[in-house]
């Protein structure tokens, strides 16, 4: 059985602007599963949420997964209000995602 690679983890700086956020996403590898660690992000704009959806759509079109790690109230509430939390898994820690990914792979 082929080994499933560990998802790539990208930590997004909590002080980044919308443009910085978009630039960070554009530099991510798209040939494997991704964990977007946004635990330091305290405020998510509509544009940031839209950028995540674009990334999600691309990844799923190539049979890859996207997980979000969120720890702050506003981003979690924004995803819930817009029902985006139904598209991709939202977890509270990178470790939680890694354990989930390991269980899925085995």
PDB file of N, CA and C in Angstrom:
ATOM      1  N   UNK A   1       0.839  -1.180   0.000  1.00  0.00           N
ATOM      2  CA  UNK A   1       0.000   0.000   0.000  1.00  0.00           C
ATOM      3  C   UNK A   1       0.884   1.243   0.000  1.00  0.00           C
ATOM      4  N   UNK A   2       0.580   2.211  -0.866  1.00  0.00           N
ATOM      5  CA  UNK A   2       1.360   3.439  -0.961  1.00  0.00           C
ATOM      6  C   UNK A   2       1.149   4.293   0.281  1.00  0.00           C
ATOM      7  N   UNK A   3       2.241   4.903   0.740  1.00  0.00           N
ATOM      8  CA  UNK A   3       2.151   5.764   1.913  1.00  0.00           C
ATOM      9  C   UNK A   3       1.528   7.097   1.527  1.00  0.00           C
ATOM     10  N   UNK A   4       0.574   7.534   2.334  1.00  0.00           N
ATOM     11  CA  UNK A   4      -0.090   8.812   2.102  1.00  0.00           C
ATOM     12  C   UNK A   4       0.773   9.906   2.722  1.00  0.00           C
ATOM     13  N   UNK A   5       1.212  10.910   1.942  1.00  0.00           N
ATOM     14  CA  UNK A   5       2.097  11.938   2.503  1.00  0.00           C
ATOM     15  C   UNK A   5       1.388  12.771   3.568  1.00  0.00           C
ATOM     16  N   UNK A   6       2.168  13.193   4.545  1.00  0.00           N
ATOM     17  CA  UNK A   6       1.653  14.082   5.585  1.00  0.00           C
ATOM     18  C   UNK A   6       1.229  15.394   4.943  1.00  0.00           C
ATOM     19  N   UNK A   7       0.091  15.952   5.364  1.00  0.00           N
ATOM     20  CA  UNK A   7      -0.337  17.234   4.792  1.00  0.00           C
ATOM     21  C   UNK A   7       0.693  18.337   5.039  1.00  0.00           C
ATOM     22  N   UNK A   8       0.784  19.244   4.096  1.00  0.00           N
ATOM     23  CA  UNK A   8       1.658  20.405   4.237  1.00  0.00           C
ATOM     24  C   UNK A   8       0.989  21.384   5.203  1.00  0.00           C
ATOM     25  N   UNK A   9       1.756  21.875   6.175  1.00  0.00           N
ATOM     26  CA  UNK A   9       1.222  22.820   7.159  1.00  0.00           C
ATOM     27  C   UNK A   9       1.743  24.215   6.840  1.00  0.00           C
ATOM     28  N   UNK A  10       0.828  25.163   6.701  1.00  0.00           N
ATOM     29  CA  UNK A  10       1.199  26.557   6.476  1.00  0.00           C
ATOM     30  C   UNK A  10       0.607  27.414   7.580  1.00  0.00           C
ATOM     31  N   UNK A  11       1.478  28.089   8.319  1.00  0.00           N
ATOM     32  CA  UNK A  11       1.024  28.995   9.376  1.00  0.00           C
ATOM     33  C   UNK A  11       0.870  30.391   8.776  1.00  0.00           C
ATOM     34  N   UNK A  12      -0.314  30.961   8.925  1.00  0.00           N
ATOM     35  CA  UNK A  12      -0.591  32.304   8.412  1.00  0.00           C
ATOM     36  C   UNK A  12      -0.411  33.301   9.544  1.00  0.00           C
ATOM     37  N   UNK A  13       0.410  34.309   9.314  1.00  0.00           N
ATOM     38  CA  UNK A  13       0.687  35.352  10.297  1.00  0.00           C
ATOM     39  C   UNK A  13      -0.585  36.109  10.638  1.00  0.00           C
ATOM     40  N   UNK A  14      -0.838  36.279  11.909  1.00  0.00           N
ATOM     41  CA  UNK A  14      -2.030  36.973  12.374  1.00  0.00           C
ATOM     42  C   UNK A  14      -2.067  38.448  12.022  1.00  0.00           C
ATOM     43  N   UNK A  15      -0.951  39.000  11.636  1.00  0.00           N
ATOM     44  CA  UNK A  15      -0.894  40.424  11.302  1.00  0.00           C
ATOM     45  C   UNK A  15      -0.966  40.691   9.804  1.00  0.00           C
ATOM     46  N   UNK A  16      -1.167  39.668   8.999  1.00  0.00           N
ATOM     47  CA  UNK A  16      -1.149  39.861   7.550  1.00  0.00           C
ATOM     48  C   UNK A  16      -2.387  40.621   7.069  1.00  0.00           C
ATOM     49  N   UNK A  17      -2.211  41.330   5.985  1.00  0.00           N
ATOM     50  CA  UNK A  17      -3.303  42.055   5.337  1.00  0.00           C
ATOM     51  C   UNK A  17      -4.017  41.111   4.382  1.00  0.00           C
ATOM     52  N   UNK A  18      -5.107  41.579   3.782  1.00  0.00           N
ATOM     53  CA  UNK A  18      -5.794  40.758   2.772  1.00  0.00           C
ATOM     54  C   UNK A  18      -4.849  40.414   1.627  1.00  0.00           C
ATOM     55  N   UNK A  19      -4.066  41.383   1.190  1.00  0.00           N
ATOM     56  CA  UNK A  19      -3.113  41.139   0.090  1.00  0.00           C
ATOM     57  C   UNK A  19      -2.046  40.144   0.541  1.00  0.00           C
ATOM     58  N   UNK A  20      -1.539  40.307   1.747  1.00  0.00           N
ATOM     59  CA  UNK A  20      -0.551  39.368   2.273  1.00  0.00           C
ATOM     60  C   UNK A  20      -1.127  37.968   2.403  1.00  0.00           C
ATOM     61  N   UNK A  21      -2.383  37.884   2.810  1.00  0.00           N
ATOM     62  CA  UNK A  21      -3.056  36.595   2.927  1.00  0.00           C
ATOM     63  C   UNK A  21      -3.157  35.925   1.566  1.00  0.00           C
ATOM     64  N   UNK A  22      -3.615  36.678   0.565  1.00  0.00           N
ATOM     65  CA  UNK A  22      -3.740  36.138  -0.800  1.00  0.00           C
ATOM     66  C   UNK A  22      -2.370  35.695  -1.319  1.00  0.00           C
ATOM     67  N   UNK A  23      -1.340  36.499  -1.078  1.00  0.00           N
ATOM     68  CA  UNK A  23       0.012  36.138  -1.519  1.00  0.00           C
ATOM     69  C   UNK A  23       0.492  34.861  -0.838  1.00  0.00           C
ATOM     70  N   UNK A  24       0.186  34.725   0.459  1.00  0.00           N
ATOM     71  CA  UNK A  24       0.572  33.506   1.186  1.00  0.00           C
ATOM     72  C   UNK A  24      -0.087  32.280   0.576  1.00  0.00           C
ATOM     73  N   UNK A  25      -1.381  32.399   0.256  1.00  0.00           N
ATOM     74  CA  UNK A  25      -2.101  31.264  -0.335  1.00  0.00           C
ATOM     75  C   UNK A  25      -1.550  30.911  -1.707  1.00  0.00           C
ATOM     76  N   UNK A  26      -1.163  31.919  -2.478  1.00  0.00           N
ATOM     77  CA  UNK A  26      -0.677  31.659  -3.837  1.00  0.00           C
ATOM     78  C   UNK A  26       0.654  30.922  -3.845  1.00  0.00           C
ATOM     79  N   UNK A  27       1.379  30.923  -2.735  1.00  0.00           N
ATOM     80  CA  UNK A  27       2.689  30.264  -2.662  1.00  0.00           C
ATOM     81  C   UNK A  27       2.608  28.846  -2.100  1.00  0.00           C
ATOM     82  N   UNK A  28       1.415  28.415  -1.733  1.00  0.00           N
ATOM     83  CA  UNK A  28       1.266  27.084  -1.144  1.00  0.00           C
ATOM     84  C   UNK A  28       1.363  25.995  -2.204  1.00  0.00           C
ATOM     85  N   UNK A  29       1.909  24.836  -1.829  1.00  0.00           N
ATOM     86  CA  UNK A  29       1.908  23.716  -2.771  1.00  0.00           C
ATOM     87  C   UNK A  29       0.477  23.237  -2.993  1.00  0.00           C
ATOM     88  N   UNK A  30       0.169  22.873  -4.199  1.00  0.00           N
ATOM     89  CA  UNK A  30      -1.191  22.402  -4.514  1.00  0.00           C
ATOM     90  C   UNK A  30      -1.192  20.943  -4.961  1.00  0.00           C
ATOM     91  N   UNK A  31      -0.079  20.265  -4.719  1.00  0.00           N
ATOM     92  CA  UNK A  31       0.026  18.866  -5.129  1.00  0.00           C
ATOM     93  C   UNK A  31      -0.090  17.904  -3.949  1.00  0.00           C
ATOM     94  N   UNK A  32      -0.621  18.400  -2.837  1.00  0.00           N
ATOM     95  CA  UNK A  32      -0.818  17.560  -1.651  1.00  0.00           C
ATOM     96  C   UNK A  32      -1.862  18.188  -0.752  1.00  0.00           C
ATOM     97  N   UNK A  33      -2.292  17.438   0.257  1.00  0.00           N
ATOM     98  CA  UNK A  33      -3.255  17.965   1.225  1.00  0.00           C
ATOM     99  C   UNK A  33      -2.617  19.117   1.998  1.00  0.00           C
ATOM    100  N   UNK A  34      -3.464  20.076   2.409  1.00  0.00           N
ATOM    101  CA  UNK A  34      -2.960  21.257   3.109  1.00  0.00           C
ATOM    102  C   UNK A  34      -3.672  21.480   4.431  1.00  0.00           C
ATOM    103  N   UNK A  35      -2.902  21.937   5.408  1.00  0.00           N
ATOM    104  CA  UNK A  35      -3.438  22.431   6.670  1.00  0.00           C
ATOM    105  C   UNK A  35      -3.125  23.915   6.707  1.00  0.00           C
ATOM    106  N   UNK A  36      -4.155  24.721   6.719  1.00  0.00           N
ATOM    107  CA  UNK A  36      -3.987  26.168   6.777  1.00  0.00           C
ATOM    108  C   UNK A  36      -4.169  26.586   8.231  1.00  0.00           C
ATOM    109  N   UNK A  37      -3.044  26.821   8.909  1.00  0.00           N
ATOM    110  CA  UNK A  37      -3.067  27.182  10.326  1.00  0.00           C
ATOM    111  C   UNK A  37      -3.310  28.679  10.450  1.00  0.00           C
ATOM    112  N   UNK A  38      -4.555  29.019  10.736  1.00  0.00           N
ATOM    113  CA  UNK A  38      -4.948  30.421  10.883  1.00  0.00           C
ATOM    114  C   UNK A  38      -5.266  30.727  12.343  1.00  0.00           C
ATOM    115  N   UNK A  39      -4.637  30.003  13.252  1.00  0.00           N
ATOM    116  CA  UNK A  39      -4.930  30.154  14.674  1.00  0.00           C
ATOM    117  C   UNK A  39      -4.570  31.537  15.211  1.00  0.00           C
ATOM    118  N   UNK A  40      -3.688  32.257  14.531  1.00  0.00           N
ATOM    119  CA  UNK A  40      -3.327  33.617  14.958  1.00  0.00           C
ATOM    120  C   UNK A  40      -4.182  34.689  14.301  1.00  0.00           C
ATOM    121  N   UNK A  41      -5.044  34.306  13.369  1.00  0.00           N
ATOM    122  CA  UNK A  41      -5.913  35.272  12.688  1.00  0.00           C
ATOM    123  C   UNK A  41      -7.091  35.587  13.607  1.00  0.00           C
ATOM    124  N   UNK A  42      -7.240  36.859  13.954  1.00  0.00           N
ATOM    125  CA  UNK A  42      -8.350  37.241  14.835  1.00  0.00           C
ATOM    126  C   UNK A  42      -9.526  37.825  14.066  1.00  0.00           C
ATOM    127  N   UNK A  43      -9.289  38.203  12.799  1.00  0.00           N
ATOM    128  CA  UNK A  43     -10.369  38.779  11.995  1.00  0.00           C
ATOM    129  C   UNK A  43     -10.245  38.292  10.560  1.00  0.00           C
ATOM    130  N   UNK A  44     -11.315  37.716  10.038  1.00  0.00           N
ATOM    131  CA  UNK A  44     -11.337  37.230   8.660  1.00  0.00           C
ATOM    132  C   UNK A  44     -12.321  38.082   7.860  1.00  0.00           C
ATOM    133  N   UNK A  45     -11.841  38.616   6.736  1.00  0.00           N
ATOM    134  CA  UNK A  45     -12.709  39.405   5.866  1.00  0.00           C
ATOM    135  C   UNK A  45     -13.422  38.487   4.873  1.00  0.00           C
ATOM    136  N   UNK A  46     -14.404  39.052   4.183  1.00  0.00           N
ATOM    137  CA  UNK A  46     -15.106  38.300   3.128  1.00  0.00           C
ATOM    138  C   UNK A  46     -14.123  37.882   2.034  1.00  0.00           C
ATOM    139  N   UNK A  47     -13.187  38.765   1.719  1.00  0.00           N
ATOM    140  CA  UNK A  47     -12.204  38.458   0.671  1.00  0.00           C
ATOM    141  C   UNK A  47     -11.321  37.284   1.074  1.00  0.00           C
ATOM    142  N   UNK A  48     -10.907  37.250   2.335  1.00  0.00           N
ATOM    143  CA  UNK A  48     -10.091  36.135   2.812  1.00  0.00           C
ATOM    144  C   UNK A  48     -10.875  34.829   2.731  1.00  0.00           C
ATOM    145  N   UNK A  49     -12.133  34.880   3.139  1.00  0.00           N
ATOM    146  CA  UNK A  49     -12.978  33.683   3.059  1.00  0.00           C
ATOM    147  C   UNK A  49     -13.113  33.223   1.603  1.00  0.00           C
ATOM    148  N   UNK A  50     -13.281  34.180   0.691  1.00  0.00           N
ATOM    149  CA  UNK A  50     -13.381  33.847  -0.732  1.00  0.00           C
ATOM    150  C   UNK A  50     -12.103  33.214  -1.260  1.00  0.00           C
ATOM    151  N   UNK A  51     -10.955  33.736  -0.811  1.00  0.00           N
ATOM    152  CA  UNK A  51      -9.666  33.167  -1.241  1.00  0.00           C
ATOM    153  C   UNK A  51      -9.527  31.722  -0.761  1.00  0.00           C
ATOM    154  N   UNK A  52     -10.011  31.429   0.442  1.00  0.00           N
ATOM    155  CA  UNK A  52      -9.959  30.062   0.963  1.00  0.00           C
ATOM    156  C   UNK A  52     -10.840  29.148   0.115  1.00  0.00           C
ATOM    157  N   UNK A  53     -12.000  29.643  -0.292  1.00  0.00           N
ATOM    158  CA  UNK A  53     -12.899  28.839  -1.127  1.00  0.00           C
ATOM    159  C   UNK A  53     -12.239  28.518  -2.466  1.00  0.00           C
ATOM    160  N   UNK A  54     -11.566  29.491  -3.067  1.00  0.00           N
ATOM    161  CA  UNK A  54     -10.869  29.260  -4.335  1.00  0.00           C
ATOM    162  C   UNK A  54      -9.802  28.175  -4.155  1.00  0.00           C
ATOM    163  N   UNK A  55      -9.031  28.267  -3.085  1.00  0.00           N
ATOM    164  CA  UNK A  55      -8.011  27.256  -2.803  1.00  0.00           C
ATOM    165  C   UNK A  55      -8.662  25.891  -2.593  1.00  0.00           C
ATOM    166  N   UNK A  56      -9.722  25.851  -1.826  1.00  0.00           N
ATOM    167  CA  UNK A  56     -10.442  24.602  -1.569  1.00  0.00           C
ATOM    168  C   UNK A  56     -10.930  23.969  -2.875  1.00  0.00           C
ATOM    169  N   UNK A  57     -11.531  24.771  -3.733  1.00  0.00           N
ATOM    170  CA  UNK A  57     -12.058  24.239  -5.002  1.00  0.00           C
ATOM    171  C   UNK A  57     -10.940  23.649  -5.850  1.00  0.00           C
ATOM    172  N   UNK A  58      -9.798  24.335  -5.890  1.00  0.00           N
ATOM    173  CA  UNK A  58      -8.682  23.806  -6.679  1.00  0.00           C
ATOM    174  C   UNK A  58      -8.187  22.492  -6.071  1.00  0.00           C
ATOM    175  N   UNK A  59      -7.980  22.477  -4.763  1.00  0.00           N
ATOM    176  CA  UNK A  59      -7.468  21.265  -4.124  1.00  0.00           C
ATOM    177  C   UNK A  59      -8.396  20.082  -4.324  1.00  0.00           C
ATOM    178  N   UNK A  60      -9.691  20.295  -4.151  1.00  0.00           N
ATOM    179  CA  UNK A  60     -10.617  19.171  -4.311  1.00  0.00           C
ATOM    180  C   UNK A  60     -10.708  18.715  -5.761  1.00  0.00           C
ATOM    181  N   UNK A  61     -10.467  19.619  -6.696  1.00  0.00           N
ATOM    182  CA  UNK A  61     -10.487  19.212  -8.108  1.00  0.00           C
ATOM    183  C   UNK A  61      -9.299  18.318  -8.447  1.00  0.00           C
ATOM    184  N   UNK A  62      -8.272  18.334  -7.597  1.00  0.00           N
ATOM    185  CA  UNK A  62      -7.097  17.486  -7.805  1.00  0.00           C
ATOM    186  C   UNK A  62      -7.011  16.387  -6.736  1.00  0.00           C
ATOM    187  N   UNK A  63      -8.161  16.099  -6.100  1.00  0.00           N
ATOM    188  CA  UNK A  63      -8.279  15.014  -5.112  1.00  0.00           C
ATOM    189  C   UNK A  63      -7.450  15.250  -3.847  1.00  0.00           C
ATOM    190  N   UNK A  64      -7.317  16.509  -3.454  1.00  0.00           N
ATOM    191  CA  UNK A  64      -6.608  16.845  -2.215  1.00  0.00           C
ATOM    192  C   UNK A  64      -7.570  17.494  -1.238  1.00  0.00           C
ATOM    193  N   UNK A  65      -7.163  17.492   0.034  1.00  0.00           N
ATOM    194  CA  UNK A  65      -8.001  18.031   1.102  1.00  0.00           C
ATOM    195  C   UNK A  65      -7.420  19.319   1.651  1.00  0.00           C
ATOM    196  N   UNK A  66      -8.302  20.119   2.238  1.00  0.00           N
ATOM    197  CA  UNK A  66      -7.911  21.342   2.940  1.00  0.00           C
ATOM    198  C   UNK A  66      -8.548  21.315   4.316  1.00  0.00           C
ATOM    199  N   UNK A  67      -7.729  21.539   5.328  1.00  0.00           N
ATOM    200  CA  UNK A  67      -8.208  21.716   6.687  1.00  0.00           C
ATOM    201  C   UNK A  67      -7.855  23.126   7.132  1.00  0.00           C
ATOM    202  N   UNK A  68      -8.730  23.742   7.908  1.00  0.00           N
ATOM    203  CA  UNK A  68      -8.441  25.031   8.529  1.00  0.00           C
ATOM    204  C   UNK A  68      -8.266  24.825  10.021  1.00  0.00           C
ATOM    205  N   UNK A  69      -7.283  25.516  10.576  1.00  0.00           N
ATOM    206  CA  UNK A  69      -7.107  25.547  12.027  1.00  0.00           C
ATOM    207  C   UNK A  69      -7.429  26.965  12.462  1.00  0.00           C
ATOM    208  N   UNK A  70      -8.487  27.090  13.243  1.00  0.00           N
ATOM    209  CA  UNK A  70      -8.935  28.394  13.737  1.00  0.00           C
ATOM    210  C   UNK A  70      -9.052  28.343  15.249  1.00  0.00           C
ATOM    211  N   UNK A  71      -8.654  29.420  15.904  1.00  0.00           N
ATOM    212  CA  UNK A  71      -8.737  29.463  17.358  1.00  0.00           C
ATOM    213  C   UNK A  71      -9.503  30.679  17.863  1.00  0.00           C
ATOM    214  N   UNK A  72      -9.754  31.643  16.998  1.00  0.00           N
ATOM    215  CA  UNK A  72     -10.391  32.883  17.429  1.00  0.00           C
ATOM    216  C   UNK A  72     -11.857  32.942  17.013  1.00  0.00           C
ATOM    217  N   UNK A  73     -12.620  33.630  17.812  1.00  0.00           N
ATOM    218  CA  UNK A  73     -14.080  33.638  17.689  1.00  0.00           C
ATOM    219  C   UNK A  73     -14.593  34.190  16.353  1.00  0.00           C
ATOM    220  N   UNK A  74     -14.101  35.334  15.908  1.00  0.00           N
ATOM    221  CA  UNK A  74     -14.663  35.971  14.713  1.00  0.00           C
ATOM    222  C   UNK A  74     -14.511  35.120  13.455  1.00  0.00           C
ATOM    223  N   UNK A  75     -13.326  34.570  13.159  1.00  0.00           N
ATOM    224  CA  UNK A  75     -13.232  33.717  11.967  1.00  0.00           C
ATOM    225  C   UNK A  75     -14.132  32.483  12.036  1.00  0.00           C
ATOM    226  N   UNK A  76     -14.238  31.887  13.213  1.00  0.00           N
ATOM    227  CA  UNK A  76     -15.102  30.718  13.370  1.00  0.00           C
ATOM    228  C   UNK A  76     -16.550  31.107  13.115  1.00  0.00           C
ATOM    229  N   UNK A  77     -16.970  32.243  13.679  1.00  0.00           N
ATOM    230  CA  UNK A  77     -18.345  32.709  13.481  1.00  0.00           C
ATOM    231  C   UNK A  77     -18.612  33.078  12.025  1.00  0.00           C
ATOM    232  N   UNK A  78     -17.626  33.680  11.355  1.00  0.00           N
ATOM    233  CA  UNK A  78     -17.804  34.044   9.942  1.00  0.00           C
ATOM    234  C   UNK A  78     -18.045  32.794   9.102  1.00  0.00           C
ATOM    235  N   UNK A  79     -17.272  31.758   9.324  1.00  0.00           N
ATOM    236  CA  UNK A  79     -17.465  30.522   8.562  1.00  0.00           C
ATOM    237  C   UNK A  79     -18.818  29.896   8.873  1.00  0.00           C
ATOM    238  N   UNK A  80     -19.240  29.973  10.123  1.00  0.00           N
ATOM    239  CA  UNK A  80     -20.548  29.413  10.486  1.00  0.00           C
ATOM    240  C   UNK A  80     -21.686  30.218   9.857  1.00  0.00           C
ATOM    241  N   UNK A  81     -21.588  31.553   9.888  1.00  0.00           N
ATOM    242  CA  UNK A  81     -22.643  32.402   9.306  1.00  0.00           C
ATOM    243  C   UNK A  81     -22.793  32.195   7.813  1.00  0.00           C
ATOM    244  N   UNK A  82     -21.695  31.935   7.147  1.00  0.00           N
ATOM    245  CA  UNK A  82     -21.714  31.779   5.689  1.00  0.00           C
ATOM    246  C   UNK A  82     -21.822  30.319   5.263  1.00  0.00           C
ATOM    247  N   UNK A  83     -21.910  29.423   6.226  1.00  0.00           N
ATOM    248  CA  UNK A  83     -21.966  27.970   5.994  1.00  0.00           C
ATOM    249  C   UNK A  83     -20.720  27.418   5.314  1.00  0.00           C
ATOM    250  N   UNK A  84     -19.643  28.167   5.300  1.00  0.00           N
ATOM    251  CA  UNK A  84     -18.405  27.657   4.700  1.00  0.00           C
ATOM    252  C   UNK A  84     -17.808  26.529   5.538  1.00  0.00           C
ATOM    253  N   UNK A  85     -18.139  26.489   6.809  1.00  0.00           N
ATOM    254  CA  UNK A  85     -17.623  25.413   7.668  1.00  0.00           C
ATOM    255  C   UNK A  85     -18.114  24.041   7.204  1.00  0.00           C
ATOM    256  N   UNK A  86     -19.118  24.027   6.314  1.00  0.00           N
ATOM    257  CA  UNK A  86     -19.603  22.745   5.793  1.00  0.00           C
ATOM    258  C   UNK A  86     -18.762  22.255   4.611  1.00  0.00           C
ATOM    259  N   UNK A  87     -17.946  23.140   4.034  1.00  0.00           N
ATOM    260  CA  UNK A  87     -17.109  22.747   2.892  1.00  0.00           C
ATOM    261  C   UNK A  87     -15.849  22.007   3.311  1.00  0.00           C
ATOM    262  N   UNK A  88     -15.191  22.513   4.321  1.00  0.00           N
ATOM    263  CA  UNK A  88     -13.906  21.949   4.717  1.00  0.00           C
ATOM    264  C   UNK A  88     -13.857  21.816   6.228  1.00  0.00           C
ATOM    265  N   UNK A  89     -13.098  20.825   6.707  1.00  0.00           N
ATOM    266  CA  UNK A  89     -12.994  20.632   8.150  1.00  0.00           C
ATOM    267  C   UNK A  89     -12.305  21.817   8.828  1.00  0.00           C
ATOM    268  N   UNK A  90     -12.871  22.256   9.931  1.00  0.00           N
ATOM    269  CA  UNK A  90     -12.278  23.302  10.755  1.00  0.00           C
ATOM    270  C   UNK A  90     -11.930  22.657  12.089  1.00  0.00           C
ATOM    271  N   UNK A  91     -10.682  22.756  12.465  1.00  0.00           N
ATOM    272  CA  UNK A  91     -10.213  22.146  13.702  1.00  0.00           C
ATOM    273  C   UNK A  91      -9.551  23.209  14.579  1.00  0.00           C
ATOM    274  N   UNK A  92      -9.276  22.830  15.826  1.00  0.00           N
ATOM    275  CA  UNK A  92      -8.718  23.794  16.780  1.00  0.00           C
ATOM    276  C   UNK A  92      -7.202  23.724  16.918  1.00  0.00           C
ATOM    277  N   UNK A  93      -6.568  22.704  16.330  1.00  0.00           N
ATOM    278  CA  UNK A  93      -5.108  22.617  16.404  1.00  0.00           C
ATOM    279  C   UNK A  93      -4.554  21.826  15.219  1.00  0.00           C
ATOM    280  N   UNK A  94      -3.308  22.110  14.892  1.00  0.00           N
ATOM    281  CA  UNK A  94      -2.629  21.371  13.828  1.00  0.00           C
ATOM    282  C   UNK A  94      -2.500  19.910  14.235  1.00  0.00           C
ATOM    283  N   UNK A  95      -2.195  19.662  15.508  1.00  0.00           N
ATOM    284  CA  UNK A  95      -2.045  18.290  15.996  1.00  0.00           C
ATOM    285  C   UNK A  95      -3.326  17.485  15.774  1.00  0.00           C
ATOM    286  N   UNK A  96      -4.470  18.106  16.007  1.00  0.00           N
ATOM    287  CA  UNK A  96      -5.754  17.435  15.793  1.00  0.00           C
ATOM    288  C   UNK A  96      -5.909  17.013  14.327  1.00  0.00           C
ATOM    289  N   UNK A  97      -5.507  17.888  13.416  1.00  0.00           N
ATOM    290  CA  UNK A  97      -5.601  17.570  11.982  1.00  0.00           C
ATOM    291  C   UNK A  97      -4.642  16.446  11.625  1.00  0.00           C
ATOM    292  N   UNK A  98      -3.414  16.518  12.113  1.00  0.00           N
ATOM    293  CA  UNK A  98      -2.424  15.491  11.794  1.00  0.00           C
ATOM    294  C   UNK A  98      -2.888  14.111  12.268  1.00  0.00           C
ATOM    295  N   UNK A  99      -3.472  14.061  13.463  1.00  0.00           N
ATOM    296  CA  UNK A  99      -3.992  12.787  13.960  1.00  0.00           C
ATOM    297  C   UNK A  99      -5.141  12.286  13.096  1.00  0.00           C
ATOM    298  N   UNK A 100      -6.029  13.200  12.694  1.00  0.00           N
ATOM    299  CA  UNK A 100      -7.148  12.827  11.816  1.00  0.00           C
ATOM    300  C   UNK A 100      -6.633  12.314  10.472  1.00  0.00           C
ATOM    301  N   UNK A 101      -5.675  13.009   9.897  1.00  0.00           N
ATOM    302  CA  UNK A 101      -5.119  12.615   8.600  1.00  0.00           C
ATOM    303  C   UNK A 101      -4.431  11.253   8.706  1.00  0.00           C
ATOM    304  N   UNK A 102      -3.742  11.032   9.794  1.00  0.00           N
ATOM    305  CA  UNK A 102      -3.065   9.749  10.005  1.00  0.00           C
ATOM    306  C   UNK A 102      -4.080   8.622  10.119  1.00  0.00           C
ATOM    307  N   UNK A 103      -5.192   8.859  10.802  1.00  0.00           N
ATOM    308  CA  UNK A 103      -6.236   7.842  10.947  1.00  0.00           C
ATOM    309  C   UNK A 103      -6.921   7.544   9.613  1.00  0.00           C
ATOM    310  N   UNK A 104      -7.128   8.564   8.781  1.00  0.00           N
ATOM    311  CA  UNK A 104      -7.739   8.371   7.476  1.00  0.00           C
ATOM    312  C   UNK A 104      -6.818   7.565   6.561  1.00  0.00           C
ATOM    313  N   UNK A 105      -5.518   7.837   6.658  1.00  0.00           N
ATOM    314  CA  UNK A 105      -4.548   7.171   5.791  1.00  0.00           C
ATOM    315  C   UNK A 105      -4.354   5.704   6.143  1.00  0.00           C
ATOM    316  N   UNK A 106      -4.607   5.334   7.408  1.00  0.00           N
ATOM    317  CA  UNK A 106      -4.349   3.942   7.798  1.00  0.00           C
ATOM    318  C   UNK A 106      -5.537   3.044   7.608  1.00  0.00           C
TER     319      UNK A 106
END
